[in-house]
C-alpha cells in the first residue's frame, strides 16, 4: 500500500515538472489518481479478506480449545468420582 502511495506521489511530481500542456497534465493526473485509487481499493479488499480468514481460523481454534477443556474437565470429574 505504501508502494502505491509512493508511486502515485512520484507520478504526480513527474507530471507537474514535465513540459506538457495543462489539459494533458490534468488528464494524466486523473489517470494516475484512478490507478492509485484502484490499487488502494484492491489492497483494502485483500486486507479485509485476510482479516476474515484470520478471524475464522481464530474462531475454529477457540472452539477446539473449548472442546479440549471440556474433555479434560470430564476426565478429571470422572477420576474424582472414582476415588470417592
Protein backbone atom coordinates (compact mmCIF):
# COMPACT_ATOMS: atom_id res chain seq x y z
CA UNK A 1 0.00 0.00 0.00
CA UNK A 2 2.89 2.36 0.77
CA UNK A 3 4.36 1.46 -2.59
CA UNK A 4 1.18 2.55 -4.38
CA UNK A 5 1.14 5.84 -2.49
CA UNK A 6 4.79 6.49 -3.26
CA UNK A 7 4.32 5.61 -6.91
CA UNK A 8 1.34 7.94 -7.14
CA UNK A 9 3.25 10.78 -5.49
CA UNK A 10 6.22 10.23 -7.81
CA UNK A 11 3.95 10.24 -10.84
CA UNK A 12 2.30 13.49 -9.74
CA UNK A 13 5.65 15.21 -9.24
CA UNK A 14 6.93 13.95 -12.60
CA UNK A 15 3.80 15.17 -14.37
CA UNK A 16 3.94 18.58 -12.74
CA UNK A 17 7.56 19.03 -13.83
CA UNK A 18 7.02 17.72 -17.37
CA UNK A 19 6.81 20.33 -20.17
CA UNK A 20 3.28 19.49 -21.38
CA UNK A 21 0.02 21.36 -21.82
CA UNK A 22 -2.21 21.88 -18.80
CA UNK A 23 -5.02 19.74 -20.23
CA UNK A 24 -2.69 16.85 -20.92
CA UNK A 25 -1.14 17.07 -17.46
CA UNK A 26 -4.59 17.13 -15.83
CA UNK A 27 -5.64 14.08 -17.84
CA UNK A 28 -2.52 12.21 -16.78
CA UNK A 29 -3.06 13.22 -13.16
CA UNK A 30 -6.63 11.94 -13.29
CA UNK A 31 -5.46 8.65 -14.82
CA UNK A 32 -2.71 8.22 -12.24
CA UNK A 33 -5.10 9.06 -9.42
CA UNK A 34 -7.59 6.49 -10.70
CA UNK A 35 -4.88 3.83 -10.89
CA UNK A 36 -3.78 4.72 -7.38
CA UNK A 37 -7.36 4.56 -6.11
CA UNK A 38 -7.87 1.14 -7.70
CA UNK A 39 -4.63 -0.10 -6.16
CA UNK A 40 -5.67 1.12 -2.71
CA UNK A 41 -9.13 -0.45 -3.07
CA UNK A 42 -7.59 -3.78 -4.11
CA UNK A 43 -5.17 -3.66 -1.18
CA UNK A 44 -8.04 -2.89 1.17
CA UNK A 45 -10.08 -5.78 -0.19
CA UNK A 46 -7.14 -8.16 0.20
CA UNK A 47 -6.56 -6.92 3.75
CA UNK A 48 -10.25 -7.35 4.59
CA UNK A 49 -10.29 -10.89 3.18
CA UNK A 50 -7.14 -11.83 5.09
CA UNK A 51 -8.68 -10.43 8.26
CA UNK A 52 -11.79 -12.52 7.69
CA UNK A 53 -9.67 -15.65 7.20
CA UNK A 54 -7.72 -14.96 10.39
CA UNK A 55 -10.95 -14.35 12.31
CA UNK A 56 -12.40 -17.66 11.11
CA UNK A 57 -9.21 -19.53 11.99
CA UNK A 58 -9.16 -17.94 15.44
CA UNK A 59 -12.79 -18.91 16.00
CA UNK A 60 -12.04 -22.51 14.99
CA UNK A 61 -9.06 -22.65 17.35
CA UNK A 62 -11.15 -21.23 20.20
CA UNK A 63 -13.82 -23.88 19.61
CA UNK A 64 -11.19 -26.63 19.58
CA UNK A 65 -9.67 -25.29 22.81
CA UNK A 66 -13.10 -25.20 24.47
CA UNK A 67 -13.75 -28.81 23.41
CA UNK A 68 -10.36 -29.92 24.75
CA UNK A 69 -11.01 -28.11 28.03
CA UNK A 70 -14.42 -29.76 28.35
CA UNK A 71 -12.93 -33.22 27.67
CA UNK A 72 -10.27 -32.61 30.31
CA UNK A 73 -12.88 -31.41 32.78
CA UNK A 74 -14.97 -34.55 32.23
CA UNK A 75 -11.95 -36.81 32.65
CA UNK A 76 -10.95 -35.04 35.87
CA UNK A 77 -14.52 -35.21 37.15
CA UNK A 78 -14.65 -38.94 36.38
CA UNK A 79 -11.35 -39.57 38.19
CA UNK A 80 -12.59 -37.65 41.23
CA UNK A 81 -15.85 -39.62 41.25
CA UNK A 82 -13.91 -42.92 41.04
CA UNK A 83 -11.92 -42.02 44.16
CA UNK A 84 -14.97 -41.13 46.21
